[in-house]
Amino acid sequence: MPKVPAAYIEARRESIIEAARRAFVRKGTEATTMADIARESGLTPGALYRYFPTKDDLIKTCFHEAMGEVSRRWMEQADAAIDPLDDLAELSLLTFARLEEPEEWTNSIIHLEHDLAIAREGNEKALADWRAERESITAKIEARLAASQQQGKLSSTLDTRLLAEAMLSFYWGARLVRILEPNANTTGQLDQLLTLVRLARG
């Protein structure tokens, strides 16, 4: 049997992800079935399962591929040669700039729908995964704030943990706002927040 070209496999995989995004936005992540996604993609359910064994695998892929390079940058250790506050500001602005891209409206709906489904169901494993991801992101923000504090560029009276949590909460609030009001200037709001952080010097 001839080998299927890698480019064909990748193109098929991407078409499935795009079909899943359309279905998830239309019906929600809870109500959408793998059969729905198979119909949307024009594939048989059997062909779909060869790429994604479960709906949860497909949902997670939608999340992770949406953030791409920006997400990888957040997960890296901050470069010691770069001002940690500048690094935090740059990554934050890159993250918020993504909210202005048309496909991010879809990604935000899918993500928030999924999180609400987890809360409704009380799925302990899914909740634990959500908390672990939140903790990982919060830790990366806090590390940059703490480094700025150690350099005397941020007031020692600030609780860097709570400030990191507040900044992450601000991001999720901005994602919700952009769903309801796509023209909201969330990047400008972030810039004002970062200005306040910079003013809180030691």
C-alpha atoms as a PDB file:
ATOM      1  CA  MET A   1       0.000   0.000   0.000  1.00  0.00           C
ATOM      2  CA  PRO A   2       1.490   3.404  -0.968  1.00  0.00           C
ATOM      3  CA  LYS A   3       2.475   5.672   1.884  1.00  0.00           C
ATOM      4  CA  VAL A   4       0.178   8.647   2.464  1.00  0.00           C
ATOM      5  CA  PRO A   5       2.167  11.898   2.099  1.00  0.00           C
ATOM      6  CA  ALA A   6       2.745  13.791   5.360  1.00  0.00           C
ATOM      7  CA  ALA A   7       1.410  16.979   3.752  1.00  0.00           C
ATOM      8  CA  TYR A   8      -1.893  15.236   3.007  1.00  0.00           C
ATOM      9  CA  ILE A   9      -2.177  13.967   6.594  1.00  0.00           C
ATOM     10  CA  GLU A  10      -1.487  17.453   7.988  1.00  0.00           C
ATOM     11  CA  ALA A  11      -3.983  19.079   5.620  1.00  0.00           C
ATOM     12  CA  ARG A  12      -6.648  16.541   6.611  1.00  0.00           C
ATOM     13  CA  ARG A  13      -5.901  17.133  10.296  1.00  0.00           C
ATOM     14  CA  GLU A  14      -6.223  20.921   9.875  1.00  0.00           C
ATOM     15  CA  SER A  15      -9.517  20.527   8.002  1.00  0.00           C
ATOM     16  CA  ILE A  16     -10.873  18.449  10.908  1.00  0.00           C
ATOM     17  CA  ILE A  17      -9.823  21.102  13.428  1.00  0.00           C
ATOM     18  CA  GLU A  18     -11.510  23.846  11.390  1.00  0.00           C
ATOM     19  CA  ALA A  19     -14.682  21.753  11.053  1.00  0.00           C
ATOM     20  CA  ALA A  20     -14.663  21.134  14.816  1.00  0.00           C
ATOM     21  CA  ARG A  21     -14.338  24.856  15.514  1.00  0.00           C
ATOM     22  CA  ARG A  22     -17.355  25.615  13.334  1.00  0.00           C
ATOM     23  CA  ALA A  23     -19.414  22.895  15.001  1.00  0.00           C
ATOM     24  CA  PHE A  24     -18.354  23.889  18.529  1.00  0.00           C
ATOM     25  CA  VAL A  25     -19.313  27.533  17.959  1.00  0.00           C
ATOM     26  CA  ARG A  26     -22.664  26.571  16.447  1.00  0.00           C
ATOM     27  CA  LYS A  27     -23.745  23.990  19.058  1.00  0.00           C
ATOM     28  CA  GLY A  28     -21.334  24.337  21.984  1.00  0.00           C
ATOM     29  CA  THR A  29     -18.674  21.849  23.057  1.00  0.00           C
ATOM     30  CA  GLU A  30     -21.089  19.832  25.207  1.00  0.00           C
ATOM     31  CA  ALA A  31     -23.804  19.319  22.597  1.00  0.00           C
ATOM     32  CA  THR A  32     -21.492  18.737  19.634  1.00  0.00           C
ATOM     33  CA  THR A  33     -20.784  15.075  18.942  1.00  0.00           C
ATOM     34  CA  MET A  34     -17.969  13.462  16.995  1.00  0.00           C
ATOM     35  CA  ALA A  35     -20.627  12.471  14.427  1.00  0.00           C
ATOM     36  CA  ASP A  36     -21.472  16.184  14.024  1.00  0.00           C
ATOM     37  CA  ILE A  37     -17.810  16.983  13.426  1.00  0.00           C
ATOM     38  CA  ALA A  38     -17.452  14.096  10.982  1.00  0.00           C
ATOM     39  CA  ARG A  39     -20.414  15.444   8.955  1.00  0.00           C
ATOM     40  CA  GLU A  40     -19.003  18.974   9.102  1.00  0.00           C
ATOM     41  CA  SER A  41     -15.626  17.775   7.835  1.00  0.00           C
ATOM     42  CA  GLY A  42     -17.076  15.466   5.182  1.00  0.00           C
ATOM     43  CA  LEU A  43     -15.380  12.421   6.708  1.00  0.00           C
ATOM     44  CA  THR A  44     -16.673   9.172   8.111  1.00  0.00           C
ATOM     45  CA  PRO A  45     -16.581   8.848  11.926  1.00  0.00           C
ATOM     46  CA  GLY A  46     -13.997   6.087  11.518  1.00  0.00           C
ATOM     47  CA  ALA A  47     -11.668   8.376   9.578  1.00  0.00           C
ATOM     48  CA  LEU A  48     -12.136  11.116  12.170  1.00  0.00           C
ATOM     49  CA  TYR A  49     -11.219   8.824  15.069  1.00  0.00           C
ATOM     50  CA  ARG A  50      -7.941   7.929  13.375  1.00  0.00           C
ATOM     51  CA  TYR A  51      -6.864  11.543  13.829  1.00  0.00           C
ATOM     52  CA  PHE A  52      -8.563  12.307  17.149  1.00  0.00           C
ATOM     53  CA  PRO A  53      -9.556   9.344  19.387  1.00  0.00           C
ATOM     54  CA  THR A  54     -11.884  11.475  21.563  1.00  0.00           C
ATOM     55  CA  LYS A  55     -13.761  14.763  21.423  1.00  0.00           C
ATOM     56  CA  ASP A  56     -11.681  15.973  24.373  1.00  0.00           C
ATOM     57  CA  ASP A  57      -8.490  15.415  22.339  1.00  0.00           C
ATOM     58  CA  LEU A  58      -9.964  17.576  19.600  1.00  0.00           C
ATOM     59  CA  ILE A  59     -11.037  20.322  22.009  1.00  0.00           C
ATOM     60  CA  LYS A  60      -7.569  20.470  23.582  1.00  0.00           C
ATOM     61  CA  THR A  61      -5.962  20.632  20.145  1.00  0.00           C
ATOM     62  CA  CYS A  62      -8.183  23.588  19.248  1.00  0.00           C
ATOM     63  CA  PHE A  63      -6.987  25.381  22.410  1.00  0.00           C
ATOM     64  CA  HIS A  64      -3.286  24.702  22.061  1.00  0.00           C
ATOM     65  CA  GLU A  65      -2.988  25.406  18.356  1.00  0.00           C
ATOM     66  CA  ALA A  66      -4.859  28.666  18.779  1.00  0.00           C
ATOM     67  CA  MET A  67      -2.145  30.162  21.003  1.00  0.00           C
ATOM     68  CA  GLY A  68       0.848  28.666  19.190  1.00  0.00           C
ATOM     69  CA  GLU A  69       4.065  30.655  19.476  1.00  0.00           C
ATOM     70  CA  VAL A  70       2.741  33.128  22.068  1.00  0.00           C
ATOM     71  CA  SER A  71       1.892  30.261  24.438  1.00  0.00           C
ATOM     72  CA  ARG A  72       5.353  28.744  23.970  1.00  0.00           C
ATOM     73  CA  ARG A  73       6.961  32.095  24.770  1.00  0.00           C
ATOM     74  CA  TRP A  74       5.016  32.338  28.041  1.00  0.00           C
ATOM     75  CA  MET A  75       6.163  28.881  29.072  1.00  0.00           C
ATOM     76  CA  GLU A  76       9.846  29.718  28.555  1.00  0.00           C
ATOM     77  CA  GLN A  77      12.016  31.059  31.336  1.00  0.00           C
ATOM     78  CA  ALA A  78      12.514  34.807  31.048  1.00  0.00           C
ATOM     79  CA  ASP A  79      15.845  35.762  29.486  1.00  0.00           C
ATOM     80  CA  ALA A  80      18.104  37.047  32.274  1.00  0.00           C
ATOM     81  CA  ALA A  81      19.448  39.740  29.929  1.00  0.00           C
ATOM     82  CA  ILE A  82      15.977  41.223  29.383  1.00  0.00           C
ATOM     83  CA  ASP A  83      14.207  43.504  31.847  1.00  0.00           C
ATOM     84  CA  PRO A  84      11.524  41.211  33.354  1.00  0.00           C
ATOM     85  CA  LEU A  85       8.928  43.974  33.355  1.00  0.00           C
ATOM     86  CA  ASP A  86       9.629  44.720  29.687  1.00  0.00           C
ATOM     87  CA  ASP A  87       9.386  40.993  28.941  1.00  0.00           C
ATOM     88  CA  LEU A  88       6.054  40.777  30.774  1.00  0.00           C
ATOM     89  CA  ALA A  89       4.718  43.804  28.904  1.00  0.00           C
ATOM     90  CA  GLU A  90       5.837  42.477  25.514  1.00  0.00           C
ATOM     91  CA  LEU A  91       4.292  39.035  26.061  1.00  0.00           C
ATOM     92  CA  SER A  92       1.091  40.551  27.436  1.00  0.00           C
ATOM     93  CA  LEU A  93       0.717  42.848  24.426  1.00  0.00           C
ATOM     94  CA  LEU A  94       1.386  39.949  22.027  1.00  0.00           C
ATOM     95  CA  THR A  95      -1.274  37.905  23.813  1.00  0.00           C
ATOM     96  CA  PHE A  96      -3.840  40.697  23.656  1.00  0.00           C
ATOM     97  CA  ALA A  97      -2.999  41.431  20.027  1.00  0.00           C
ATOM     98  CA  ARG A  98      -4.267  37.940  19.219  1.00  0.00           C
ATOM     99  CA  LEU A  99      -7.699  38.933  20.532  1.00  0.00           C
ATOM    100  CA  GLU A 100      -7.954  41.300  17.568  1.00  0.00           C
ATOM    101  CA  GLU A 101      -7.583  38.459  15.054  1.00  0.00           C
ATOM    102  CA  PRO A 102     -10.932  37.254  13.578  1.00  0.00           C
ATOM    103  CA  GLU A 103     -10.383  33.574  14.432  1.00  0.00           C
ATOM    104  CA  GLU A 104      -9.819  34.407  18.091  1.00  0.00           C
ATOM    105  CA  TRP A 105     -13.536  35.190  18.487  1.00  0.00           C
ATOM    106  CA  THR A 106     -14.199  31.541  17.659  1.00  0.00           C
ATOM    107  CA  ASN A 107     -11.388  30.278  19.893  1.00  0.00           C
ATOM    108  CA  SER A 108     -12.647  32.311  22.861  1.00  0.00           C
ATOM    109  CA  ILE A 109     -16.192  30.973  22.518  1.00  0.00           C
ATOM    110  CA  ILE A 110     -14.934  27.378  22.376  1.00  0.00           C
ATOM    111  CA  HIS A 111     -12.647  27.856  25.364  1.00  0.00           C
ATOM    112  CA  LEU A 112     -15.252  29.545  27.551  1.00  0.00           C
ATOM    113  CA  GLU A 113     -17.954  27.031  26.537  1.00  0.00           C
ATOM    114  CA  HIS A 114     -15.640  24.186  27.507  1.00  0.00           C
ATOM    115  CA  ASP A 115     -14.743  25.752  30.855  1.00  0.00           C
ATOM    116  CA  LEU A 116     -18.427  26.314  31.680  1.00  0.00           C
ATOM    117  CA  ALA A 117     -19.175  22.685  30.807  1.00  0.00           C
ATOM    118  CA  ILE A 118     -16.435  21.540  33.194  1.00  0.00           C
ATOM    119  CA  ALA A 119     -17.937  23.684  35.964  1.00  0.00           C
ATOM    120  CA  ARG A 120     -21.473  22.389  35.334  1.00  0.00           C
ATOM    121  CA  GLU A 121     -20.436  18.754  35.227  1.00  0.00           C
ATOM    122  CA  GLY A 122     -18.129  18.964  38.237  1.00  0.00           C
ATOM    123  CA  ASN A 123     -15.603  16.811  36.348  1.00  0.00           C
ATOM    124  CA  GLU A 124     -12.817  16.585  38.940  1.00  0.00           C
ATOM    125  CA  LYS A 125     -10.105  15.492  36.508  1.00  0.00           C
ATOM    126  CA  ALA A 126     -10.954  18.242  34.037  1.00  0.00           C
ATOM    127  CA  LEU A 127     -11.103  20.781  36.877  1.00  0.00           C
ATOM    128  CA  ALA A 128      -7.709  19.604  38.143  1.00  0.00           C
ATOM    129  CA  ASP A 129      -6.262  20.009  34.635  1.00  0.00           C
ATOM    130  CA  TRP A 130      -7.784  23.501  34.386  1.00  0.00           C
ATOM    131  CA  ARG A 131      -6.311  24.487  37.760  1.00  0.00           C
ATOM    132  CA  ALA A 132      -2.896  23.087  36.827  1.00  0.00           C
ATOM    133  CA  GLU A 133      -2.847  25.096  33.590  1.00  0.00           C
ATOM    134  CA  ARG A 134      -3.958  28.248  35.410  1.00  0.00           C
ATOM    135  CA  GLU A 135      -1.259  27.695  38.037  1.00  0.00           C
ATOM    136  CA  SER A 136       1.407  27.230  35.365  1.00  0.00           C
ATOM    137  CA  ILE A 137       0.491  30.483  33.600  1.00  0.00           C
ATOM    138  CA  THR A 138       0.149  32.402  36.872  1.00  0.00           C
ATOM    139  CA  ALA A 139       3.608  31.198  37.955  1.00  0.00           C
ATOM    140  CA  LYS A 140       5.181  32.551  34.741  1.00  0.00           C
ATOM    141  CA  ILE A 141       3.577  35.956  35.267  1.00  0.00           C
ATOM    142  CA  GLU A 142       4.529  35.993  38.944  1.00  0.00           C
ATOM    143  CA  ALA A 143       8.151  35.069  38.182  1.00  0.00           C
ATOM    144  CA  ARG A 144       8.531  38.158  36.010  1.00  0.00           C
ATOM    145  CA  LEU A 145       6.846  40.392  38.595  1.00  0.00           C
ATOM    146  CA  ALA A 146       8.993  38.974  41.416  1.00  0.00           C
ATOM    147  CA  ALA A 147      12.179  39.503  39.380  1.00  0.00           C
ATOM    148  CA  SER A 148      11.135  43.124  38.791  1.00  0.00           C
ATOM    149  CA  GLN A 149      10.510  43.497  42.523  1.00  0.00           C
ATOM    150  CA  GLN A 150      13.981  42.127  43.331  1.00  0.00           C
ATOM    151  CA  GLN A 151      15.508  44.661  40.953  1.00  0.00           C
ATOM    152  CA  GLY A 152      13.704  47.471  42.746  1.00  0.00           C
ATOM    153  CA  LYS A 153      11.505  48.204  39.739  1.00  0.00           C
ATOM    154  CA  LEU A 154       8.319  47.204  41.502  1.00  0.00           C
ATOM    155  CA  SER A 155       7.149  48.128  44.990  1.00  0.00           C
ATOM    156  CA  SER A 156       7.977  45.539  47.668  1.00  0.00           C
ATOM    157  CA  THR A 157       4.528  46.141  49.171  1.00  0.00           C
ATOM    158  CA  LEU A 158       2.845  44.468  46.182  1.00  0.00           C
ATOM    159  CA  ASP A 159       1.803  40.831  46.474  1.00  0.00           C
ATOM    160  CA  THR A 160       3.205  39.461  43.203  1.00  0.00           C
ATOM    161  CA  ARG A 161       1.089  36.299  43.427  1.00  0.00           C
ATOM    162  CA  LEU A 162      -2.198  38.192  43.718  1.00  0.00           C
ATOM    163  CA  LEU A 163      -1.115  40.680  41.053  1.00  0.00           C
ATOM    164  CA  ALA A 164      -0.289  37.795  38.681  1.00  0.00           C
ATOM    165  CA  GLU A 165      -3.711  36.252  39.351  1.00  0.00           C
ATOM    166  CA  ALA A 166      -5.374  39.630  38.773  1.00  0.00           C
ATOM    167  CA  MET A 167      -3.596  40.031  35.429  1.00  0.00           C
ATOM    168  CA  LEU A 168      -4.706  36.570  34.295  1.00  0.00           C
ATOM    169  CA  SER A 169      -8.283  37.314  35.405  1.00  0.00           C
ATOM    170  CA  PHE A 170      -8.116  40.576  33.443  1.00  0.00           C
ATOM    171  CA  TYR A 171      -7.136  38.604  30.328  1.00  0.00           C
ATOM    172  CA  TRP A 172     -10.086  36.224  30.644  1.00  0.00           C
ATOM    173  CA  GLY A 173     -12.420  39.141  31.234  1.00  0.00           C
ATOM    174  CA  ALA A 174     -11.050  40.766  28.087  1.00  0.00           C
ATOM    175  CA  ARG A 175     -11.716  37.586  26.089  1.00  0.00           C
ATOM    176  CA  LEU A 176     -15.354  37.627  27.223  1.00  0.00           C
ATOM    177  CA  VAL A 177     -15.704  41.316  26.384  1.00  0.00           C
ATOM    178  CA  ARG A 178     -14.313  40.720  22.885  1.00  0.00           C
ATOM    179  CA  ILE A 179     -16.920  38.015  22.274  1.00  0.00           C
ATOM    180  CA  LEU A 180     -19.753  40.418  23.112  1.00  0.00           C
ATOM    181  CA  GLU A 181     -18.121  43.587  21.770  1.00  0.00           C
ATOM    182  CA  PRO A 182     -15.574  42.686  19.057  1.00  0.00           C
ATOM    183  CA  ASN A 183     -14.453  46.307  18.649  1.00  0.00           C
ATOM    184  CA  ALA A 184     -13.615  46.832  22.333  1.00  0.00           C
ATOM    185  CA  ASN A 185     -10.139  48.319  22.769  1.00  0.00           C
ATOM    186  CA  THR A 186      -8.830  45.605  25.080  1.00  0.00           C
ATOM    187  CA  THR A 187      -5.225  46.246  23.997  1.00  0.00           C
ATOM    188  CA  GLY A 188      -5.580  49.870  25.067  1.00  0.00           C
ATOM    189  CA  GLN A 189      -7.017  48.742  28.399  1.00  0.00           C
ATOM    190  CA  LEU A 190      -4.029  46.439  28.884  1.00  0.00           C
ATOM    191  CA  ASP A 191      -1.651  49.284  28.083  1.00  0.00           C
ATOM    192  CA  GLN A 192      -3.260  51.355  30.857  1.00  0.00           C
ATOM    193  CA  LEU A 193      -2.925  48.453  33.287  1.00  0.00           C
ATOM    194  CA  LEU A 194       0.751  47.985  32.409  1.00  0.00           C
ATOM    195  CA  THR A 195       1.294  51.711  32.912  1.00  0.00           C
ATOM    196  CA  LEU A 196      -0.117  51.405  36.439  1.00  0.00           C
ATOM    197  CA  VAL A 197       2.145  48.432  37.138  1.00  0.00           C
ATOM    198  CA  ARG A 198       5.204  50.397  35.974  1.00  0.00           C
ATOM    199  CA  LEU A 199       4.217  53.296  38.231  1.00  0.00           C
ATOM    200  CA  ALA A 200       4.244  50.970  41.262  1.00  0.00           C
ATOM    201  CA  ARG A 201       8.010  51.218  41.706  1.00  0.00           C
ATOM    202  CA  GLY A 202       9.898  50.394  44.853  1.00  0.00           C
END
